[in-house]
Structures are given as structure tokens and as C-alpha cells.
Amino acid sequence: MSKSTPLANLPNLKRQGPTQAPAHEQHENQIVKEILNEIDNSSANSQAPPQPPAQAPSAGPSPEQQAALQEQIQQQMMEQQLMEEQMHQQQMLQEQAANSAAAAGPSPEMMNQLAAQPQQQLSMMEALMASLKPTAVVAVIVALLSLPFVADTINKIVASKESLRKMALPIMLAIKALVGGGMFFAANNSGMLN
């Protein structure tokens, strides 16, 4: 069975009337001949790559349009490949998360919730102890500042200046208050009260 068809038997080559221009028929005939020649050449010589048919300057896209079309196709292919890679990475991350969740046990959110429950359910005795810590620290500070040697030391410092002797009691109270406040601040920041 032959692959070629006589030109006279092709439907587009038969004359359809006087309305068709002869130049158009010649152009169609030339295109058909080139296609048939390419088919014959490709069957005879399968190693030679087929070449596109020569086109008239007015027929088909221009080289600029072809380049733009090829660039658009390449861009679409790159976008599709990028989307496939992203989907693959996302799927891998989901699988890793599922595997690590199964291997590691409960999730961090569940661990936080479990850790928060005992804190919310402190017993009455623990709550009382937690609220008494600052009070106990203040009591210790007051007891230390009330010792007689502290008052004597402050009186000796104040008495050394004659201008301060008239106001020795208020100055001693202010110094004790500053020292006591500083000690409470240091205890609070050291984590003793937490």
C-alpha cells in the first residue's frame, strides 16, 4: 500500500469554480507536494529529521511570534514543574510530620495542654504556700532590719553629722525602708518568690 496519493485525487486541489484564485491553488498545491515529499523522504530515510514545510511570508506565524510562543510554552512548562516540585515537597513534609508524630507520641500542643492542667488544679495547700512566700520574705527582711545592731550602726552614721542629728529618727526609718525595699527587690528578681 502506497502512502502517496495522486495530486489530482486530493479534494482541495479540484477546481471549485471560477471564484478561487489560481495563486491560492498553486500555494495549496506546493504545500501538499512538500508534505508528500517529506512523508516519502521520512519513510525512505528514517535517520534524517523531518523539516518543516516552507511557508509563504503571509502564511503562518512570524519568527517573532514563534519565539514568543516557544517562550510562553517553556514558561508554562517551568511553572508546571515548579508546582509539581512544591506539591512533592509538601507531601514529603506531611509524611515526615505524620511519621514523627507517630514516633514521638503526643504533639507539642497536647503536651502544653497536659502541663497546664496540673497548674490549674493546684491544691488549696499549694496555693496558700505560693501566696505566703512574699509575705514570709517581707517578715524576714523586717526582722533583720529590726535587730539592734542595725539601728545602732545607722545612728552612728547619722550622728556623725550634726545637721542630721535633729532628724535622726526619720532618716533611720528612710534608710531601713530603702534597704528593706532593695532586699525584697533582689529576692523577687532572684526567683526566690516564684
N, C-alpha and C. Protein backbone atom coordinates (compact mmCIF):
# COMPACT_ATOMS: atom_id res chain seq x y z
N MET A 1 0.85 -1.18 0.00
CA MET A 1 0.00 0.00 0.00
C MET A 1 0.88 1.23 0.00
N SER A 2 0.66 2.11 -0.89
CA SER A 2 1.48 3.30 -1.06
C SER A 2 0.95 4.42 -0.18
N LYS A 3 1.89 5.22 0.35
CA LYS A 3 1.50 6.33 1.21
C LYS A 3 1.14 7.56 0.39
N SER A 4 1.51 7.58 -0.84
CA SER A 4 1.28 8.79 -1.63
C SER A 4 -0.07 8.70 -2.36
N THR A 5 -0.64 9.86 -2.53
CA THR A 5 -1.92 9.97 -3.24
C THR A 5 -1.68 10.92 -4.41
N PRO A 6 -2.19 10.57 -5.55
CA PRO A 6 -2.01 11.49 -6.69
C PRO A 6 -2.65 12.84 -6.40
N LEU A 7 -2.00 13.89 -6.85
CA LEU A 7 -2.47 15.24 -6.57
C LEU A 7 -3.86 15.49 -7.15
N ALA A 8 -4.17 14.86 -8.21
CA ALA A 8 -5.46 15.09 -8.85
C ALA A 8 -6.60 14.53 -8.00
N ASN A 9 -6.30 13.53 -7.13
CA ASN A 9 -7.35 12.93 -6.32
C ASN A 9 -7.62 13.67 -5.00
N LEU A 10 -6.79 14.64 -4.67
CA LEU A 10 -7.00 15.39 -3.42
C LEU A 10 -8.19 16.31 -3.57
N PRO A 11 -9.06 16.37 -2.52
CA PRO A 11 -10.28 17.16 -2.66
C PRO A 11 -10.01 18.66 -2.74
N ASN A 12 -9.02 19.17 -2.08
CA ASN A 12 -8.78 20.61 -2.10
C ASN A 12 -8.17 21.09 -3.40
N LEU A 13 -7.64 20.17 -4.20
CA LEU A 13 -6.99 20.58 -5.42
C LEU A 13 -7.93 20.61 -6.60
N LYS A 14 -9.11 20.04 -6.46
CA LYS A 14 -10.08 20.08 -7.56
C LYS A 14 -10.61 21.50 -7.67
N ARG A 15 -10.83 21.88 -8.85
CA ARG A 15 -11.34 23.24 -9.04
C ARG A 15 -12.76 23.31 -8.51
N GLN A 16 -12.98 24.39 -7.73
CA GLN A 16 -14.31 24.57 -7.16
C GLN A 16 -15.06 25.67 -7.88
N GLY A 17 -14.52 26.17 -8.84
CA GLY A 17 -15.22 27.18 -9.61
C GLY A 17 -14.32 28.36 -9.91
N PRO A 18 -14.83 29.29 -10.62
CA PRO A 18 -14.03 30.44 -11.04
C PRO A 18 -13.76 31.43 -9.89
N THR A 19 -14.41 31.26 -8.73
CA THR A 19 -14.23 32.22 -7.62
C THR A 19 -12.88 32.07 -6.95
N GLN A 20 -12.24 30.89 -7.05
CA GLN A 20 -10.96 30.66 -6.39
C GLN A 20 -9.85 31.19 -7.26
N ALA A 21 -8.89 31.87 -6.61
CA ALA A 21 -7.78 32.46 -7.36
C ALA A 21 -6.76 31.39 -7.70
N PRO A 22 -6.12 31.43 -8.84
CA PRO A 22 -5.11 30.44 -9.21
C PRO A 22 -3.88 30.50 -8.30
N ALA A 23 -3.54 31.66 -7.76
CA ALA A 23 -2.38 31.76 -6.87
C ALA A 23 -2.62 30.97 -5.59
N HIS A 24 -3.83 31.02 -5.12
CA HIS A 24 -4.17 30.28 -3.90
C HIS A 24 -4.07 28.77 -4.15
N GLU A 25 -4.52 28.34 -5.32
CA GLU A 25 -4.43 26.92 -5.67
C GLU A 25 -2.97 26.48 -5.80
N GLN A 26 -2.18 27.31 -6.37
CA GLN A 26 -0.76 26.97 -6.52
C GLN A 26 -0.10 26.86 -5.15
N HIS A 27 -0.44 27.76 -4.27
CA HIS A 27 0.13 27.73 -2.93
C HIS A 27 -0.28 26.44 -2.21
N GLU A 28 -1.54 26.07 -2.32
CA GLU A 28 -2.01 24.82 -1.71
C GLU A 28 -1.32 23.62 -2.34
N ASN A 29 -1.18 23.63 -3.63
CA ASN A 29 -0.50 22.53 -4.32
C ASN A 29 0.95 22.39 -3.86
N GLN A 30 1.61 23.53 -3.69
CA GLN A 30 3.00 23.48 -3.25
C GLN A 30 3.10 22.91 -1.83
N ILE A 31 2.24 23.31 -0.96
CA ILE A 31 2.24 22.80 0.42
C ILE A 31 2.00 21.30 0.43
N VAL A 32 1.03 20.84 -0.34
CA VAL A 32 0.72 19.41 -0.40
C VAL A 32 1.91 18.64 -0.95
N LYS A 33 2.56 19.16 -1.98
CA LYS A 33 3.73 18.49 -2.54
C LYS A 33 4.83 18.36 -1.50
N GLU A 34 5.07 19.44 -0.78
CA GLU A 34 6.13 19.41 0.23
C GLU A 34 5.81 18.40 1.33
N ILE A 35 4.56 18.34 1.75
CA ILE A 35 4.17 17.37 2.78
C ILE A 35 4.36 15.95 2.28
N LEU A 36 3.92 15.69 1.05
CA LEU A 36 4.07 14.35 0.48
C LEU A 36 5.55 13.98 0.31
N ASN A 37 6.35 14.94 -0.10
CA ASN A 37 7.79 14.68 -0.24
C ASN A 37 8.41 14.36 1.11
N GLU A 38 8.03 15.06 2.12
CA GLU A 38 8.56 14.81 3.47
C GLU A 38 8.16 13.43 3.95
N ILE A 39 6.91 13.04 3.70
CA ILE A 39 6.46 11.70 4.10
C ILE A 39 7.27 10.64 3.38
N ASP A 40 7.46 10.83 2.07
CA ASP A 40 8.24 9.87 1.31
C ASP A 40 9.69 9.83 1.78
N ASN A 41 10.27 10.99 2.05
CA ASN A 41 11.67 11.05 2.50
C ASN A 41 11.82 10.44 3.89
N SER A 42 10.87 10.65 4.75
CA SER A 42 10.99 10.11 6.11
C SER A 42 10.84 8.59 6.10
N SER A 43 10.02 8.05 5.22
CA SER A 43 9.90 6.60 5.16
C SER A 43 11.14 5.99 4.51
N ALA A 44 11.74 6.68 3.55
CA ALA A 44 12.93 6.16 2.88
C ALA A 44 14.17 6.33 3.75
N ASN A 45 14.27 7.44 4.42
CA ASN A 45 15.45 7.73 5.23
C ASN A 45 14.96 8.13 6.62
N SER A 46 14.83 7.15 7.51
CA SER A 46 14.27 7.42 8.84
C SER A 46 15.26 8.15 9.74
N GLN A 47 16.55 8.20 9.36
CA GLN A 47 17.54 8.86 10.18
C GLN A 47 17.49 10.38 10.00
N ALA A 48 17.09 10.86 8.90
CA ALA A 48 17.05 12.30 8.66
C ALA A 48 15.82 12.88 9.35
N PRO A 49 15.96 13.92 10.16
CA PRO A 49 14.81 14.52 10.83
C PRO A 49 13.94 15.27 9.83
N PRO A 50 12.64 15.22 10.03
CA PRO A 50 11.75 15.94 9.09
C PRO A 50 11.92 17.44 9.25
N GLN A 51 11.85 18.12 8.10
CA GLN A 51 11.98 19.57 8.13
C GLN A 51 10.60 20.17 7.89
N PRO A 52 10.34 21.29 8.54
CA PRO A 52 9.02 21.90 8.35
C PRO A 52 8.87 22.41 6.93
N PRO A 53 7.65 22.40 6.43
CA PRO A 53 7.42 22.87 5.07
C PRO A 53 7.68 24.37 4.96
N ALA A 54 8.16 24.78 3.80
CA ALA A 54 8.41 26.20 3.58
C ALA A 54 7.06 26.91 3.47
N GLN A 55 7.00 28.04 4.11
CA GLN A 55 5.73 28.76 4.12
C GLN A 55 5.91 30.08 3.40
N ALA A 56 4.84 30.51 2.87
CA ALA A 56 4.84 31.81 2.23
C ALA A 56 4.93 32.87 3.30
N PRO A 57 5.45 34.04 2.99
CA PRO A 57 5.61 35.07 4.01
C PRO A 57 4.30 35.47 4.68
N SER A 58 3.21 35.36 4.00
CA SER A 58 1.94 35.78 4.60
C SER A 58 1.29 34.65 5.40
N ALA A 59 1.70 33.40 5.17
CA ALA A 59 1.05 32.27 5.84
C ALA A 59 1.81 31.91 7.11
N GLY A 60 1.10 31.63 8.20
CA GLY A 60 1.71 31.15 9.45
C GLY A 60 2.27 32.28 10.30
N PRO A 61 2.70 31.93 11.50
CA PRO A 61 3.21 32.95 12.41
C PRO A 61 4.62 33.39 12.00
N SER A 62 4.94 34.62 12.35
CA SER A 62 6.26 35.15 12.05
C SER A 62 7.28 34.58 13.02
N PRO A 63 8.57 34.71 12.73
CA PRO A 63 9.60 34.18 13.65
C PRO A 63 9.48 34.79 15.05
N GLU A 64 9.11 36.06 15.14
CA GLU A 64 8.94 36.69 16.46
C GLU A 64 7.78 36.03 17.21
N GLN A 65 6.71 35.75 16.49
CA GLN A 65 5.56 35.10 17.12
C GLN A 65 5.91 33.68 17.55
N GLN A 66 6.69 32.99 16.73
CA GLN A 66 7.10 31.64 17.08
C GLN A 66 7.98 31.65 18.32
N ALA A 67 8.92 32.61 18.38
CA ALA A 67 9.80 32.71 19.54
C ALA A 67 8.99 33.03 20.80
N ALA A 68 8.03 33.94 20.67
CA ALA A 68 7.19 34.28 21.83
C ALA A 68 6.36 33.08 22.26
N LEU A 69 5.86 32.33 21.27
CA LEU A 69 5.06 31.14 21.58
C LEU A 69 5.92 30.08 22.28
N GLN A 70 7.13 29.87 21.77
CA GLN A 70 8.03 28.91 22.40
C GLN A 70 8.39 29.34 23.82
N GLU A 71 8.64 30.63 24.00
CA GLU A 71 8.96 31.14 25.34
C GLU A 71 7.78 30.94 26.29
N GLN A 72 6.59 31.20 25.80
CA GLN A 72 5.39 31.01 26.63
C GLN A 72 5.22 29.54 27.01
N ILE A 73 5.46 28.65 26.06
CA ILE A 73 5.34 27.22 26.34
C ILE A 73 6.38 26.79 27.37
N GLN A 74 7.63 27.28 27.20
CA GLN A 74 8.68 26.94 28.17
C GLN A 74 8.34 27.47 29.56
N GLN A 75 7.80 28.67 29.61
CA GLN A 75 7.42 29.26 30.90
C GLN A 75 6.32 28.44 31.56
N GLN A 76 5.34 28.01 30.80
CA GLN A 76 4.27 27.19 31.34
C GLN A 76 4.81 25.85 31.83
N MET A 77 5.75 25.27 31.08
CA MET A 77 6.33 24.00 31.50
C MET A 77 7.12 24.18 32.79
N MET A 78 7.86 25.28 32.91
CA MET A 78 8.63 25.54 34.13
C MET A 78 7.70 25.76 35.33
N GLU A 79 6.61 26.50 35.11
CA GLU A 79 5.64 26.72 36.19
C GLU A 79 5.02 25.40 36.63
N GLN A 80 4.68 24.56 35.66
CA GLN A 80 4.09 23.27 36.00
C GLN A 80 5.08 22.40 36.76
N GLN A 81 6.35 22.43 36.32
CA GLN A 81 7.37 21.64 37.02
C GLN A 81 7.58 22.18 38.43
N LEU A 82 7.59 23.49 38.59
CA LEU A 82 7.74 24.10 39.91
C LEU A 82 6.57 23.72 40.82
N MET A 83 5.36 23.74 40.28
CA MET A 83 4.19 23.36 41.07
C MET A 83 4.28 21.90 41.49
N GLU A 84 4.73 21.05 40.58
CA GLU A 84 4.87 19.63 40.92
C GLU A 84 5.91 19.43 42.01
N GLU A 85 7.03 20.16 41.93
CA GLU A 85 8.06 20.06 42.96
C GLU A 85 7.54 20.52 44.32
N GLN A 86 6.78 21.63 44.31
CA GLN A 86 6.22 22.15 45.56
C GLN A 86 5.23 21.15 46.15
N MET A 87 4.41 20.56 45.30
CA MET A 87 3.46 19.56 45.80
C MET A 87 4.20 18.36 46.37
N HIS A 88 5.28 17.96 45.71
CA HIS A 88 6.07 16.82 46.19
C HIS A 88 6.71 17.15 47.53
N GLN A 89 7.28 18.35 47.66
CA GLN A 89 7.89 18.75 48.93
C GLN A 89 6.85 18.82 50.04
N GLN A 90 5.70 19.38 49.72
CA GLN A 90 4.64 19.47 50.72
C GLN A 90 4.18 18.08 51.15
N GLN A 91 4.08 17.18 50.22
CA GLN A 91 3.68 15.82 50.55
C GLN A 91 4.73 15.15 51.43
N MET A 92 6.01 15.38 51.12
CA MET A 92 7.09 14.82 51.92
C MET A 92 7.05 15.37 53.34
N LEU A 93 6.81 16.69 53.47
CA LEU A 93 6.73 17.30 54.80
C LEU A 93 5.57 16.73 55.60
N GLN A 94 4.45 16.53 54.93
CA GLN A 94 3.30 15.96 55.62
C GLN A 94 3.59 14.53 56.08
N GLU A 95 4.26 13.77 55.23
CA GLU A 95 4.61 12.40 55.61
C GLU A 95 5.59 12.40 56.78
N GLN A 96 6.59 13.29 56.73
CA GLN A 96 7.54 13.38 57.83
C GLN A 96 6.85 13.79 59.12
N ALA A 97 5.93 14.75 59.03
CA ALA A 97 5.21 15.18 60.23
C ALA A 97 4.37 14.05 60.78
N ALA A 98 3.74 13.30 59.90
CA ALA A 98 2.91 12.18 60.35
C ALA A 98 3.78 11.10 60.99
N ASN A 99 4.95 10.82 60.37
CA ASN A 99 5.85 9.81 60.92
C ASN A 99 6.43 10.24 62.26
N SER A 100 6.83 11.52 62.35
CA SER A 100 7.42 11.99 63.61
C SER A 100 6.37 12.08 64.69
N ALA A 101 5.13 12.41 64.32
CA ALA A 101 4.07 12.47 65.32
C ALA A 101 3.76 11.07 65.84
N ALA A 102 3.80 10.10 64.95
CA ALA A 102 3.53 8.74 65.38
C ALA A 102 4.67 8.20 66.24
N ALA A 103 5.90 8.58 65.88
CA ALA A 103 7.06 8.08 66.63
C ALA A 103 7.27 8.83 67.94
N ALA A 104 6.99 10.12 67.94
CA ALA A 104 7.28 10.94 69.12
C ALA A 104 6.16 10.92 70.14
N GLY A 105 5.04 10.45 69.80
CA GLY A 105 3.93 10.43 70.76
C GLY A 105 3.06 11.66 70.58
N PRO A 106 2.58 12.22 71.70
CA PRO A 106 1.66 13.36 71.59
C PRO A 106 2.36 14.60 71.02
N SER A 107 1.57 15.43 70.39
CA SER A 107 2.10 16.65 69.78
C SER A 107 2.46 17.67 70.85
N PRO A 108 3.24 18.69 70.49
CA PRO A 108 3.61 19.72 71.46
C PRO A 108 2.39 20.44 72.04
N GLU A 109 1.36 20.63 71.23
CA GLU A 109 0.16 21.30 71.73
C GLU A 109 -0.51 20.45 72.82
N MET A 110 -0.54 19.13 72.58
CA MET A 110 -1.14 18.26 73.60
C MET A 110 -0.30 18.27 74.88
N MET A 111 1.02 18.32 74.71
CA MET A 111 1.90 18.36 75.88
C MET A 111 1.68 19.64 76.68
N ASN A 112 1.50 20.77 75.99
CA ASN A 112 1.25 22.03 76.67
C ASN A 112 -0.08 21.98 77.43
N GLN A 113 -1.09 21.38 76.80
CA GLN A 113 -2.38 21.27 77.47
C GLN A 113 -2.29 20.37 78.70
N LEU A 114 -1.55 19.28 78.54
CA LEU A 114 -1.40 18.37 79.68
C LEU A 114 -0.61 19.03 80.81
N ALA A 115 0.37 19.85 80.48
CA ALA A 115 1.16 20.53 81.50
C ALA A 115 0.36 21.63 82.17
N ALA A 116 -0.58 22.23 81.45
CA ALA A 116 -1.37 23.33 82.03
C ALA A 116 -2.42 22.79 83.00
N GLN A 117 -2.89 21.58 82.82
CA GLN A 117 -3.92 21.05 83.70
C GLN A 117 -3.46 20.95 85.15
N PRO A 118 -2.28 20.42 85.47
CA PRO A 118 -1.88 20.37 86.88
C PRO A 118 -1.72 21.75 87.49
N GLN A 119 -1.28 22.72 86.68
CA GLN A 119 -1.13 24.07 87.20
C GLN A 119 -2.49 24.65 87.57
N GLN A 120 -3.51 24.32 86.83
CA GLN A 120 -4.84 24.83 87.12
C GLN A 120 -5.46 24.13 88.31
N GLN A 121 -5.01 22.94 88.60
CA GLN A 121 -5.61 22.15 89.67
C GLN A 121 -4.70 22.11 90.90
N LEU A 122 -4.10 23.26 91.26
CA LEU A 122 -3.29 23.30 92.46
C LEU A 122 -4.18 23.05 93.67
N SER A 123 -3.62 22.33 94.58
CA SER A 123 -4.40 22.08 95.79
C SER A 123 -4.46 23.35 96.63
N MET A 124 -5.34 23.37 97.59
CA MET A 124 -5.52 24.56 98.43
C MET A 124 -4.26 24.84 99.23
N MET A 125 -3.59 23.80 99.69
CA MET A 125 -2.37 23.98 100.49
C MET A 125 -1.25 24.57 99.64
N GLU A 126 -1.11 24.11 98.38
CA GLU A 126 -0.08 24.65 97.49
C GLU A 126 -0.35 26.10 97.16
N ALA A 127 -1.60 26.46 96.93
CA ALA A 127 -1.96 27.85 96.65
C ALA A 127 -1.66 28.74 97.85
N LEU A 128 -1.94 28.24 99.04
CA LEU A 128 -1.66 29.01 100.26
C LEU A 128 -0.15 29.22 100.42
N MET A 129 0.64 28.16 100.16
CA MET A 129 2.11 28.27 100.27
C MET A 129 2.65 29.26 99.24
N ALA A 130 2.11 29.23 98.04
CA ALA A 130 2.58 30.13 96.99
C ALA A 130 2.29 31.58 97.34
N SER A 131 1.14 31.85 97.97
CA SER A 131 0.82 33.23 98.33
C SER A 131 1.55 33.68 99.59
N LEU A 132 2.01 32.73 100.42
CA LEU A 132 2.72 33.09 101.65
C LEU A 132 4.20 33.38 101.42
N LYS A 133 4.77 32.99 100.32
CA LYS A 133 6.20 33.21 100.07
C LYS A 133 6.56 34.69 100.15
N PRO A 134 5.90 35.59 99.44
CA PRO A 134 6.27 37.01 99.54
C PRO A 134 6.10 37.55 100.97
N THR A 135 5.07 37.10 101.63
CA THR A 135 4.83 37.56 103.00
C THR A 135 5.96 37.10 103.91
N ALA A 136 6.40 35.88 103.74
CA ALA A 136 7.49 35.36 104.57
C ALA A 136 8.78 36.11 104.30
N VAL A 137 9.05 36.46 103.06
CA VAL A 137 10.26 37.21 102.72
C VAL A 137 10.22 38.59 103.37
N VAL A 138 9.08 39.26 103.31
CA VAL A 138 8.94 40.58 103.95
C VAL A 138 9.15 40.46 105.45
N ALA A 139 8.60 39.43 106.06
CA ALA A 139 8.75 39.23 107.51
C ALA A 139 10.22 39.05 107.88
N VAL A 140 10.98 38.29 107.10
CA VAL A 140 12.40 38.07 107.37
C VAL A 140 13.17 39.38 107.23
N ILE A 141 12.84 40.16 106.19
CA ILE A 141 13.53 41.44 105.97
C ILE A 141 13.26 42.39 107.15
N VAL A 142 12.02 42.49 107.62
CA VAL A 142 11.67 43.36 108.75
C VAL A 142 12.40 42.90 110.00
N ALA A 143 12.46 41.59 110.21
CA ALA A 143 13.15 41.08 111.40
C ALA A 143 14.63 41.43 111.37
N LEU A 144 15.26 41.32 110.20
CA LEU A 144 16.68 41.66 110.09
C LEU A 144 16.93 43.15 110.33
N LEU A 145 16.06 43.97 109.78
CA LEU A 145 16.24 45.41 109.94
C LEU A 145 15.89 45.88 111.36
N SER A 146 15.16 45.07 112.12
CA SER A 146 14.79 45.43 113.49
C SER A 146 15.85 45.02 114.52
N LEU A 147 16.87 44.34 114.09
CA LEU A 147 17.93 43.95 115.02
C LEU A 147 18.62 45.20 115.58
N PRO A 148 18.99 45.18 116.86
CA PRO A 148 19.56 46.37 117.49
C PRO A 148 20.88 46.83 116.85
N PHE A 149 21.72 45.94 116.41
CA PHE A 149 22.99 46.39 115.85
C PHE A 149 22.79 47.17 114.55
N VAL A 150 21.69 46.89 113.77
CA VAL A 150 21.40 47.63 112.53
C VAL A 150 21.04 49.06 112.90
N ALA A 151 20.16 49.22 113.89
CA ALA A 151 19.75 50.55 114.32
C ALA A 151 20.93 51.32 114.89
N ASP A 152 21.80 50.68 115.67
CA ASP A 152 22.97 51.35 116.23
C ASP A 152 23.92 51.81 115.14
N THR A 153 24.14 51.00 114.14
CA THR A 153 25.04 51.35 113.04
C THR A 153 24.50 52.56 112.28
N ILE A 154 23.19 52.57 112.02
CA ILE A 154 22.60 53.70 111.28
C ILE A 154 22.68 54.96 112.15
N ASN A 155 22.43 54.86 113.49
CA ASN A 155 22.51 56.01 114.39
C ASN A 155 23.91 56.58 114.41
N LYS A 156 24.95 55.74 114.41
CA LYS A 156 26.32 56.23 114.43
C LYS A 156 26.63 57.00 113.16
N ILE A 157 26.15 56.52 112.03
CA ILE A 157 26.40 57.20 110.75
C ILE A 157 25.69 58.55 110.73
N VAL A 158 24.44 58.57 111.19
CA VAL A 158 23.67 59.81 111.18
C VAL A 158 24.24 60.80 112.21
N ALA A 159 24.66 60.32 113.37
CA ALA A 159 25.15 61.19 114.44
C ALA A 159 26.49 61.82 114.09
N SER A 160 27.19 61.29 113.14
CA SER A 160 28.49 61.86 112.78
C SER A 160 28.35 63.25 112.17
N LYS A 161 27.22 63.56 111.62
CA LYS A 161 26.96 64.88 111.05
C LYS A 161 25.97 65.61 111.96
N GLU A 162 26.32 66.77 112.43
CA GLU A 162 25.46 67.50 113.37
C GLU A 162 24.18 67.97 112.73
N SER A 163 24.20 68.29 111.49
CA SER A 163 22.99 68.77 110.81
C SER A 163 21.94 67.67 110.68
N LEU A 164 22.36 66.41 110.73
CA LEU A 164 21.42 65.30 110.59
C LEU A 164 20.88 64.81 111.94
N ARG A 165 21.47 65.22 113.06
CA ARG A 165 21.06 64.72 114.38
C ARG A 165 19.62 65.10 114.70
N LYS A 166 19.15 66.25 114.25
CA LYS A 166 17.80 66.70 114.56
C LYS A 166 16.77 65.76 113.92
N MET A 167 17.13 65.19 112.80
CA MET A 167 16.17 64.33 112.07
C MET A 167 16.67 62.89 112.04
N ALA A 168 17.26 62.40 113.09
CA ALA A 168 17.87 61.07 113.12
C ALA A 168 16.83 59.97 112.94
N LEU A 169 15.66 60.10 113.63
CA LEU A 169 14.64 59.04 113.53
C LEU A 169 14.06 58.92 112.12
N PRO A 170 13.61 60.02 111.48
CA PRO A 170 13.08 59.88 110.12
C PRO A 170 14.14 59.39 109.13
N ILE A 171 15.39 59.81 109.30
CA ILE A 171 16.45 59.37 108.39
C ILE A 171 16.70 57.87 108.58
N MET A 172 16.71 57.40 109.84
CA MET A 172 16.91 55.97 110.10
C MET A 172 15.78 55.15 109.50
N LEU A 173 14.54 55.61 109.60
CA LEU A 173 13.39 54.90 109.01
C LEU A 173 13.49 54.87 107.48
N ALA A 174 13.92 55.98 106.89
CA ALA A 174 14.05 56.04 105.43
C ALA A 174 15.15 55.09 104.95
N ILE A 175 16.26 55.05 105.69
CA ILE A 175 17.35 54.15 105.30
C ILE A 175 16.90 52.70 105.42
N LYS A 176 16.21 52.35 106.51
CA LYS A 176 15.70 50.98 106.69
C LYS A 176 14.71 50.62 105.58
N ALA A 177 13.86 51.59 105.23
CA ALA A 177 12.87 51.34 104.15
C ALA A 177 13.58 51.08 102.82
N LEU A 178 14.62 51.88 102.52
CA LEU A 178 15.36 51.69 101.27
C LEU A 178 16.09 50.34 101.25
N VAL A 179 16.72 50.00 102.37
CA VAL A 179 17.44 48.73 102.45
C VAL A 179 16.45 47.57 102.35
N GLY A 180 15.31 47.66 103.05
CA GLY A 180 14.30 46.59 103.01
C GLY A 180 13.71 46.44 101.61
N GLY A 181 13.41 47.57 100.94
CA GLY A 181 12.89 47.52 99.57
C GLY A 181 13.88 46.90 98.61
N GLY A 182 15.16 47.26 98.77
CA GLY A 182 16.20 46.68 97.92
C GLY A 182 16.33 45.18 98.13
N MET A 183 16.24 44.74 99.41
CA MET A 183 16.33 43.30 99.69
C MET A 183 15.15 42.55 99.09
N PHE A 184 13.94 43.13 99.19
CA PHE A 184 12.75 42.48 98.61
C PHE A 184 12.86 42.42 97.08
N PHE A 185 13.34 43.51 96.48
CA PHE A 185 13.52 43.54 95.03
C PHE A 185 14.51 42.46 94.59
N ALA A 186 15.61 42.34 95.33
CA ALA A 186 16.61 41.32 94.98
C ALA A 186 16.05 39.92 95.14
N ALA A 187 15.26 39.68 96.21
CA ALA A 187 14.67 38.35 96.41
C ALA A 187 13.66 38.03 95.31
N ASN A 188 12.91 39.02 94.90
CA ASN A 188 11.89 38.84 93.86
C ASN A 188 12.55 38.54 92.53
N ASN A 189 13.61 39.23 92.16
CA ASN A 189 14.27 39.03 90.88
C ASN A 189 15.15 37.79 90.85
N SER A 190 15.55 37.30 92.00
CA SER A 190 16.39 36.10 92.03
C SER A 190 15.57 34.83 91.82
N GLY A 191 14.28 34.94 91.84
CA GLY A 191 13.43 33.77 91.64
C GLY A 191 13.04 33.10 92.95
N MET A 192 13.37 33.69 94.04
CA MET A 192 13.03 33.11 95.33
C MET A 192 11.52 33.07 95.56
N LEU A 193 10.83 34.04 95.01
CA LEU A 193 9.38 34.16 95.26
C LEU A 193 8.56 33.42 94.23
N ASN A 194 9.16 32.93 93.19
CA ASN A 194 8.39 32.25 92.14
C ASN A 194 8.23 30.79 92.42
